Amino acid sequence: MNKISFNYEGRELAVDIIYRKRKNISLKVSPKENIQIIAPHKVSSDLLKKVLQDNSKWILSKLNKFKHFDDTIIKRDYEDDEIYYYMGKQYKLKILKDMNLQNKNNKNYNYIELKGDNIEIRTNNWEKDHLKESLKKWYKLRSEEIIMDRIDYLRSKSDDFRKIEPNLVKVKEQKKIWGSCNTSKNIYSVP
């Protein structure tokens, strides 16, 4: 991976250059002052520096947002009082162990709901992997509900949207985009 640096308001910023088979240049800013510029092969470093300089205010605004980012919340133990986010708000995880919960099709069963400032999981299996998968499913279901609500809202406000009926709305893990819609009218979004 190549590196480049540029100076903005007296601050020297290091940037990783990633060359790929593509037509455009994009920027990515992530925690720990990690800046990447993704560019087509054969783009000159002078052009990349110009792109960085032209977007320097945006880059600094993103870096400032990550200043107080605590990456320890990414490492999950799935234990009581861990912090999780839902709709931009912090919640504490509460695991309520209940051996009386049963489901005739599945011996591992749980019920998840928001209660006050907590995400409560009532479960008969408190193993880390089970809790992780259960929370993942819960986030996906909530995301699908929110997307459908937004689609219904937009359809009620616009004649153009009334004509559009999605074929499929699916929430899935995607690393590079937040969402997409294809010609088959399938909408894909991240949880």
C-alpha atoms as a PDB file:
ATOM      1  CA  MET A   1       0.000   0.000   0.000  1.00  0.00           C
ATOM      2  CA  ASN A   2       1.370   3.417  -0.959  1.00  0.00           C
ATOM      3  CA  LYS A   3       1.271   6.409   1.335  1.00  0.00           C
ATOM      4  CA  ILE A   4       0.924  10.110   0.714  1.00  0.00           C
ATOM      5  CA  SER A   5       0.658  13.052   3.086  1.00  0.00           C
ATOM      6  CA  PHE A   6      -0.777  16.512   2.828  1.00  0.00           C
ATOM      7  CA  ASN A   7      -0.737  19.568   5.020  1.00  0.00           C
ATOM      8  CA  TYR A   8      -3.897  21.279   6.178  1.00  0.00           C
ATOM      9  CA  GLU A   9      -3.808  24.295   8.497  1.00  0.00           C
ATOM     10  CA  GLY A  10      -0.395  23.275   9.801  1.00  0.00           C
ATOM     11  CA  ARG A  11      -1.420  19.699  10.395  1.00  0.00           C
ATOM     12  CA  GLU A  12       0.369  16.908   8.519  1.00  0.00           C
ATOM     13  CA  LEU A  13      -2.067  14.117   7.626  1.00  0.00           C
ATOM     14  CA  ALA A  14      -0.936  10.693   6.401  1.00  0.00           C
ATOM     15  CA  VAL A  15      -3.107   8.970   3.799  1.00  0.00           C
ATOM     16  CA  ASP A  16      -3.049   5.394   2.490  1.00  0.00           C
ATOM     17  CA  ILE A  17      -3.434   5.109  -1.287  1.00  0.00           C
ATOM     18  CA  ILE A  18      -5.300   2.082  -2.566  1.00  0.00           C
ATOM     19  CA  TYR A  19      -5.242   1.534  -6.309  1.00  0.00           C
ATOM     20  CA  ARG A  20      -8.078  -0.490  -7.801  1.00  0.00           C
ATOM     21  CA  LYS A  21      -9.708  -1.159 -11.115  1.00  0.00           C
ATOM     22  CA  ARG A  22     -12.296   1.621 -11.014  1.00  0.00           C
ATOM     23  CA  LYS A  23     -13.319   4.855 -12.730  1.00  0.00           C
ATOM     24  CA  ASN A  24     -13.505   7.339  -9.874  1.00  0.00           C
ATOM     25  CA  ILE A  25     -11.642   8.466  -6.757  1.00  0.00           C
ATOM     26  CA  SER A  26     -13.161   8.067  -3.298  1.00  0.00           C
ATOM     27  CA  LEU A  27     -12.127   8.960   0.235  1.00  0.00           C
ATOM     28  CA  LYS A  28     -12.599   6.957   3.397  1.00  0.00           C
ATOM     29  CA  VAL A  29     -12.036   8.281   6.921  1.00  0.00           C
ATOM     30  CA  SER A  30     -12.228   5.965   9.922  1.00  0.00           C
ATOM     31  CA  PRO A  31     -11.222   6.050  13.608  1.00  0.00           C
ATOM     32  CA  LYS A  32      -7.611   6.401  14.769  1.00  0.00           C
ATOM     33  CA  GLU A  33      -6.924   9.016  12.045  1.00  0.00           C
ATOM     34  CA  ASN A  34      -7.063   6.406   9.320  1.00  0.00           C
ATOM     35  CA  ILE A  35      -7.511   8.139   5.951  1.00  0.00           C
ATOM     36  CA  GLN A  36      -7.653   6.258   2.666  1.00  0.00           C
ATOM     37  CA  ILE A  37      -7.926   7.472  -0.894  1.00  0.00           C
ATOM     38  CA  ILE A  38      -9.084   4.810  -3.324  1.00  0.00           C
ATOM     39  CA  ALA A  39      -8.163   5.591  -6.922  1.00  0.00           C
ATOM     40  CA  PRO A  40      -7.918   4.077 -10.388  1.00  0.00           C
ATOM     41  CA  HIS A  41      -4.526   2.764 -11.436  1.00  0.00           C
ATOM     42  CA  LYS A  42      -2.209   5.339 -13.056  1.00  0.00           C
ATOM     43  CA  VAL A  43      -3.693   8.376 -11.278  1.00  0.00           C
ATOM     44  CA  SER A  44      -0.850  10.757 -10.432  1.00  0.00           C
ATOM     45  CA  SER A  45       0.051  11.607  -6.846  1.00  0.00           C
ATOM     46  CA  ASP A  46      -0.350  15.307  -7.741  1.00  0.00           C
ATOM     47  CA  LEU A  47      -4.008  14.716  -8.652  1.00  0.00           C
ATOM     48  CA  LEU A  48      -4.536  12.721  -5.438  1.00  0.00           C
ATOM     49  CA  LYS A  49      -3.016  15.556  -3.376  1.00  0.00           C
ATOM     50  CA  LYS A  50      -5.351  18.016  -5.109  1.00  0.00           C
ATOM     51  CA  VAL A  51      -8.367  15.816  -4.283  1.00  0.00           C
ATOM     52  CA  LEU A  52      -7.212  15.621  -0.666  1.00  0.00           C
ATOM     53  CA  GLN A  53      -6.689  19.390  -0.486  1.00  0.00           C
ATOM     54  CA  ASP A  54     -10.105  20.081  -2.073  1.00  0.00           C
ATOM     55  CA  ASN A  55     -11.768  17.782   0.477  1.00  0.00           C
ATOM     56  CA  SER A  56      -9.634  18.697   3.489  1.00  0.00           C
ATOM     57  CA  LYS A  57     -12.469  20.398   5.424  1.00  0.00           C
ATOM     58  CA  TRP A  58     -14.635  17.286   5.018  1.00  0.00           C
ATOM     59  CA  ILE A  59     -11.727  15.045   6.079  1.00  0.00           C
ATOM     60  CA  LEU A  60     -11.097  17.119   9.214  1.00  0.00           C
ATOM     61  CA  SER A  61     -14.790  17.155  10.095  1.00  0.00           C
ATOM     62  CA  LYS A  62     -14.819  13.346   9.922  1.00  0.00           C
ATOM     63  CA  LEU A  63     -11.614  13.105  11.985  1.00  0.00           C
ATOM     64  CA  ASN A  64     -13.168  15.402  14.608  1.00  0.00           C
ATOM     65  CA  LYS A  65     -16.254  13.166  14.803  1.00  0.00           C
ATOM     66  CA  PHE A  66     -13.999  10.199  15.536  1.00  0.00           C
ATOM     67  CA  LYS A  67     -11.939  12.073  18.155  1.00  0.00           C
ATOM     68  CA  HIS A  68     -13.998  10.731  21.035  1.00  0.00           C
ATOM     69  CA  PHE A  69     -14.790   7.407  19.384  1.00  0.00           C
ATOM     70  CA  ASP A  70     -14.361   4.549  21.833  1.00  0.00           C
ATOM     71  CA  ASP A  71     -13.504   1.441  19.856  1.00  0.00           C
ATOM     72  CA  THR A  72     -13.782  -0.737  22.956  1.00  0.00           C
ATOM     73  CA  ILE A  73     -17.537  -0.883  22.351  1.00  0.00           C
ATOM     74  CA  ILE A  74     -16.839  -2.866  19.188  1.00  0.00           C
ATOM     75  CA  LYS A  75     -15.291  -5.695  21.198  1.00  0.00           C
ATOM     76  CA  ARG A  76     -18.353  -7.380  22.642  1.00  0.00           C
ATOM     77  CA  ASP A  77     -18.567  -9.827  25.534  1.00  0.00           C
ATOM     78  CA  TYR A  78     -22.396  -9.928  25.513  1.00  0.00           C
ATOM     79  CA  GLU A  79     -22.642  -9.279  29.228  1.00  0.00           C
ATOM     80  CA  ASP A  80     -24.860  -7.115  31.397  1.00  0.00           C
ATOM     81  CA  ASP A  81     -24.314  -3.350  31.189  1.00  0.00           C
ATOM     82  CA  GLU A  82     -22.412  -3.344  27.887  1.00  0.00           C
ATOM     83  CA  ILE A  83     -23.350  -0.345  25.761  1.00  0.00           C
ATOM     84  CA  TYR A  84     -25.242  -0.895  22.507  1.00  0.00           C
ATOM     85  CA  TYR A  85     -26.698   1.667  20.158  1.00  0.00           C
ATOM     86  CA  TYR A  86     -30.147   1.722  18.652  1.00  0.00           C
ATOM     87  CA  MET A  87     -31.442   4.619  16.550  1.00  0.00           C
ATOM     88  CA  GLY A  88     -28.525   6.792  17.717  1.00  0.00           C
ATOM     89  CA  LYS A  89     -29.231   6.292  21.410  1.00  0.00           C
ATOM     90  CA  GLN A  90     -27.172   4.337  23.944  1.00  0.00           C
ATOM     91  CA  TYR A  91     -28.700   1.381  25.731  1.00  0.00           C
ATOM     92  CA  LYS A  92     -27.329  -1.004  28.319  1.00  0.00           C
ATOM     93  CA  LEU A  93     -27.651  -4.706  27.697  1.00  0.00           C
ATOM     94  CA  LYS A  94     -29.595  -6.607  30.358  1.00  0.00           C
ATOM     95  CA  ILE A  95     -29.631 -10.393  30.211  1.00  0.00           C
ATOM     96  CA  LEU A  96     -32.519 -11.964  32.098  1.00  0.00           C
ATOM     97  CA  LYS A  97     -31.892 -15.674  32.553  1.00  0.00           C
ATOM     98  CA  ASP A  98     -35.138 -17.612  32.403  1.00  0.00           C
ATOM     99  CA  MET A  99     -35.057 -21.406  32.159  1.00  0.00           C
ATOM    100  CA  ASN A 100     -38.871 -21.479  31.836  1.00  0.00           C
ATOM    101  CA  LEU A 101     -38.747 -20.041  28.316  1.00  0.00           C
ATOM    102  CA  GLN A 102     -39.416 -22.735  25.752  1.00  0.00           C
ATOM    103  CA  ASN A 103     -40.233 -23.029  22.115  1.00  0.00           C
ATOM    104  CA  LYS A 104     -41.383 -26.397  20.774  1.00  0.00           C
ATOM    105  CA  ASN A 105     -39.234 -25.996  17.626  1.00  0.00           C
ATOM    106  CA  ASN A 106     -36.091 -24.702  19.281  1.00  0.00           C
ATOM    107  CA  LYS A 107     -34.702 -25.321  22.732  1.00  0.00           C
ATOM    108  CA  ASN A 108     -32.724 -22.050  22.595  1.00  0.00           C
ATOM    109  CA  TYR A 109     -35.228 -19.279  22.934  1.00  0.00           C
ATOM    110  CA  ASN A 110     -35.229 -15.600  23.825  1.00  0.00           C
ATOM    111  CA  TYR A 111     -37.301 -12.461  23.782  1.00  0.00           C
ATOM    112  CA  ILE A 112     -35.672  -9.056  23.148  1.00  0.00           C
ATOM    113  CA  GLU A 113     -37.226  -5.658  23.807  1.00  0.00           C
ATOM    114  CA  LEU A 114     -36.333  -2.072  24.630  1.00  0.00           C
ATOM    115  CA  LYS A 115     -37.221  -1.149  28.204  1.00  0.00           C
ATOM    116  CA  GLY A 116     -36.267   2.340  29.303  1.00  0.00           C
ATOM    117  CA  ASP A 117     -32.528   2.713  28.759  1.00  0.00           C
ATOM    118  CA  ASN A 118     -31.984  -1.018  28.372  1.00  0.00           C
ATOM    119  CA  ILE A 119     -32.051  -3.664  25.684  1.00  0.00           C
ATOM    120  CA  GLU A 120     -33.427  -6.640  27.601  1.00  0.00           C
ATOM    121  CA  ILE A 121     -32.889 -10.195  26.485  1.00  0.00           C
ATOM    122  CA  ARG A 122     -34.984 -12.762  28.307  1.00  0.00           C
ATOM    123  CA  THR A 123     -33.361 -16.068  27.408  1.00  0.00           C
ATOM    124  CA  ASN A 124     -32.786 -19.680  28.366  1.00  0.00           C
ATOM    125  CA  ASN A 125     -29.344 -19.681  26.711  1.00  0.00           C
ATOM    126  CA  TRP A 126     -26.823 -17.017  27.704  1.00  0.00           C
ATOM    127  CA  GLU A 127     -23.866 -18.329  25.729  1.00  0.00           C
ATOM    128  CA  LYS A 128     -22.005 -15.551  23.913  1.00  0.00           C
ATOM    129  CA  ASP A 129     -22.581 -16.947  20.393  1.00  0.00           C
ATOM    130  CA  HIS A 130     -26.306 -17.374  20.979  1.00  0.00           C
ATOM    131  CA  LEU A 131     -26.669 -13.847  22.376  1.00  0.00           C
ATOM    132  CA  LYS A 132     -24.650 -12.424  19.472  1.00  0.00           C
ATOM    133  CA  GLU A 133     -26.816 -14.121  16.826  1.00  0.00           C
ATOM    134  CA  SER A 134     -30.022 -13.197  18.669  1.00  0.00           C
ATOM    135  CA  LEU A 135     -29.072  -9.521  18.805  1.00  0.00           C
ATOM    136  CA  LYS A 136     -28.052  -9.569  15.132  1.00  0.00           C
ATOM    137  CA  LYS A 137     -31.484 -10.945  14.166  1.00  0.00           C
ATOM    138  CA  TRP A 138     -33.219  -8.392  16.384  1.00  0.00           C
ATOM    139  CA  TYR A 139     -31.354  -5.480  14.781  1.00  0.00           C
ATOM    140  CA  LYS A 140     -32.161  -6.805  11.299  1.00  0.00           C
ATOM    141  CA  LEU A 141     -35.876  -7.148  12.077  1.00  0.00           C
ATOM    142  CA  ARG A 142     -36.040  -3.643  13.572  1.00  0.00           C
ATOM    143  CA  SER A 143     -34.182  -2.257  10.525  1.00  0.00           C
ATOM    144  CA  GLU A 144     -36.621  -3.887   8.101  1.00  0.00           C
ATOM    145  CA  GLU A 145     -39.559  -2.426  10.058  1.00  0.00           C
ATOM    146  CA  ILE A 146     -38.023   1.068   9.967  1.00  0.00           C
ATOM    147  CA  ILE A 147     -37.302   0.850   6.237  1.00  0.00           C
ATOM    148  CA  MET A 148     -40.879  -0.278   5.505  1.00  0.00           C
ATOM    149  CA  ASP A 149     -42.230   2.559   7.669  1.00  0.00           C
ATOM    150  CA  ARG A 150     -40.096   5.064   5.730  1.00  0.00           C
ATOM    151  CA  ILE A 151     -41.241   3.650   2.398  1.00  0.00           C
ATOM    152  CA  ASP A 152     -44.894   3.911   3.518  1.00  0.00           C
ATOM    153  CA  TYR A 153     -44.301   7.487   4.712  1.00  0.00           C
ATOM    154  CA  LEU A 154     -42.671   8.508   1.420  1.00  0.00           C
ATOM    155  CA  ARG A 155     -45.453   6.855  -0.561  1.00  0.00           C
ATOM    156  CA  SER A 156     -48.038   8.850   1.393  1.00  0.00           C
ATOM    157  CA  LYS A 157     -46.245  12.125   0.584  1.00  0.00           C
ATOM    158  CA  SER A 158     -45.382  11.746  -3.084  1.00  0.00           C
ATOM    159  CA  ASP A 159     -47.185  10.665  -6.243  1.00  0.00           C
ATOM    160  CA  ASP A 160     -43.896   9.405  -7.664  1.00  0.00           C
ATOM    161  CA  PHE A 161     -43.325   7.160  -4.653  1.00  0.00           C
ATOM    162  CA  ARG A 162     -46.900   5.803  -4.802  1.00  0.00           C
ATOM    163  CA  LYS A 163     -46.009   4.211  -8.134  1.00  0.00           C
ATOM    164  CA  ILE A 164     -43.046   2.383  -6.651  1.00  0.00           C
ATOM    165  CA  GLU A 165     -43.606  -0.935  -4.935  1.00  0.00           C
ATOM    166  CA  PRO A 166     -40.401  -2.671  -3.776  1.00  0.00           C
ATOM    167  CA  ASN A 167     -40.156  -6.305  -4.760  1.00  0.00           C
ATOM    168  CA  LEU A 168     -38.019  -7.150  -1.730  1.00  0.00           C
ATOM    169  CA  VAL A 169     -36.624  -5.299   1.281  1.00  0.00           C
ATOM    170  CA  LYS A 170     -33.712  -7.083   2.862  1.00  0.00           C
ATOM    171  CA  VAL A 171     -31.288  -6.064   5.576  1.00  0.00           C
ATOM    172  CA  LYS A 172     -27.878  -7.642   5.266  1.00  0.00           C
ATOM    173  CA  GLU A 173     -24.334  -6.959   6.341  1.00  0.00           C
ATOM    174  CA  GLN A 174     -22.480  -4.929   3.750  1.00  0.00           C
ATOM    175  CA  LYS A 175     -18.999  -3.533   4.198  1.00  0.00           C
ATOM    176  CA  LYS A 176     -18.844  -0.846   1.533  1.00  0.00           C
ATOM    177  CA  ILE A 177     -22.330   0.648   1.192  1.00  0.00           C
ATOM    178  CA  TRP A 178     -25.256   1.491   3.457  1.00  0.00           C
ATOM    179  CA  GLY A 179     -27.890   0.487   0.995  1.00  0.00           C
ATOM    180  CA  SER A 180     -28.831  -0.085  -2.614  1.00  0.00           C
ATOM    181  CA  CYS A 181     -31.748  -0.675  -4.933  1.00  0.00           C
ATOM    182  CA  ASN A 182     -31.477  -2.668  -8.143  1.00  0.00           C
ATOM    183  CA  THR A 183     -33.535  -2.826 -11.336  1.00  0.00           C
ATOM    184  CA  SER A 184     -35.552  -5.722  -9.921  1.00  0.00           C
ATOM    185  CA  LYS A 185     -36.821  -3.287  -7.240  1.00  0.00           C
ATOM    186  CA  ASN A 186     -34.927  -5.102  -4.477  1.00  0.00           C
ATOM    187  CA  ILE A 187     -33.817  -2.822  -1.651  1.00  0.00           C
ATOM    188  CA  TYR A 188     -30.819  -3.874   0.421  1.00  0.00           C
ATOM    189  CA  SER A 189     -29.724  -2.039   3.542  1.00  0.00           C
ATOM    190  CA  VAL A 190     -27.367  -2.498   6.490  1.00  0.00           C
ATOM    191  CA  PRO A 191     -28.776  -3.056   9.985  1.00  0.00           C
END
